[in-house]
Amino acid sequence: MTKNVGGIDRILRIVIGLALIAAAATGAIGLWGYIGLLPLITGLIGWCPPYALLGFNTCSVKKP
């Protein structure tokens, strides 16, 4: 898997994912907040399946 999620995109995904999970865990929002696992995981691993399917790449690292 080639990384396709860049720096700012990764940070935003991690922050939003953690915020949604925290809100769901504290009961501020419903169980749907655990959907925050998806952006959290894609932010941590640096690869997003929909980006790969659509040909997007926000990562500044170029292939050799």
Protein backbone atom coordinates (compact mmCIF):
# COMPACT_ATOMS: atom_id res chain seq x y z
CA MET A 1 0.00 0.00 0.00
CA THR A 2 1.42 3.33 -1.07
CA LYS A 3 0.64 6.18 1.30
CA ASN A 4 -1.92 8.56 -0.14
CA VAL A 5 -2.80 10.72 2.89
CA GLY A 6 -0.53 13.69 3.55
CA GLY A 7 0.48 15.68 6.65
CA ILE A 8 -2.38 18.12 7.30
CA ASP A 9 -4.94 15.60 6.05
CA ARG A 10 -3.58 13.00 8.50
CA ILE A 11 -3.64 15.42 11.44
CA LEU A 12 -7.23 16.46 10.70
CA ARG A 13 -8.35 12.84 10.38
CA ILE A 14 -6.75 11.90 13.71
CA VAL A 15 -8.17 14.92 15.57
CA ILE A 16 -11.67 14.51 14.14
CA GLY A 17 -11.62 10.76 14.77
CA LEU A 18 -10.54 11.19 18.39
CA ALA A 19 -13.12 13.94 18.95
CA LEU A 20 -15.96 11.78 17.62
CA ILE A 21 -14.88 8.78 19.67
CA ALA A 22 -14.55 10.88 22.83
CA ALA A 23 -17.98 12.44 22.28
CA ALA A 24 -19.53 8.99 21.80
CA ALA A 25 -17.75 7.57 24.84
CA THR A 26 -18.98 10.39 27.09
CA GLY A 27 -22.53 10.13 25.79
CA ALA A 28 -22.54 13.61 24.24
CA ILE A 29 -23.59 12.06 20.92
CA GLY A 30 -25.02 8.68 20.08
CA LEU A 31 -23.20 5.50 19.18
CA TRP A 32 -22.76 6.78 15.62
CA GLY A 33 -19.79 8.76 16.98
CA TYR A 34 -17.74 5.58 16.88
CA ILE A 35 -17.62 6.10 13.12
CA GLY A 36 -14.64 8.23 14.15
CA LEU A 37 -12.62 5.01 14.09
CA LEU A 38 -12.48 5.23 10.29
CA PRO A 39 -10.75 8.61 10.00
CA LEU A 40 -8.56 7.75 12.99
CA ILE A 41 -7.30 4.52 11.41
CA THR A 42 -6.78 6.04 7.96
CA GLY A 43 -4.93 8.94 9.54
CA LEU A 44 -2.68 6.65 11.53
CA ILE A 45 -1.75 4.34 8.67
CA GLY A 46 -1.62 7.08 6.01
CA TRP A 47 -3.71 5.20 3.46
CA CYS A 48 -7.34 5.77 2.51
CA PRO A 49 -9.16 3.20 0.33
CA PRO A 50 -11.55 5.74 -1.30
CA TYR A 51 -8.58 7.96 -2.17
CA ALA A 52 -6.92 4.96 -3.84
CA LEU A 53 -10.06 4.14 -5.85
CA LEU A 54 -10.54 7.74 -6.98
CA GLY A 55 -6.87 8.45 -7.64
CA PHE A 56 -6.46 11.16 -5.00
CA ASN A 57 -3.16 11.69 -3.23
CA THR A 58 -2.50 14.36 -0.59
CA CYS A 59 0.87 12.91 0.36
CA SER A 60 3.86 14.95 -0.73
CA VAL A 61 6.17 11.91 -0.94
CA LYS A 62 6.82 11.03 -4.55
CA LYS A 63 7.48 7.53 -5.86
CA PRO A 64 11.15 6.90 -6.70
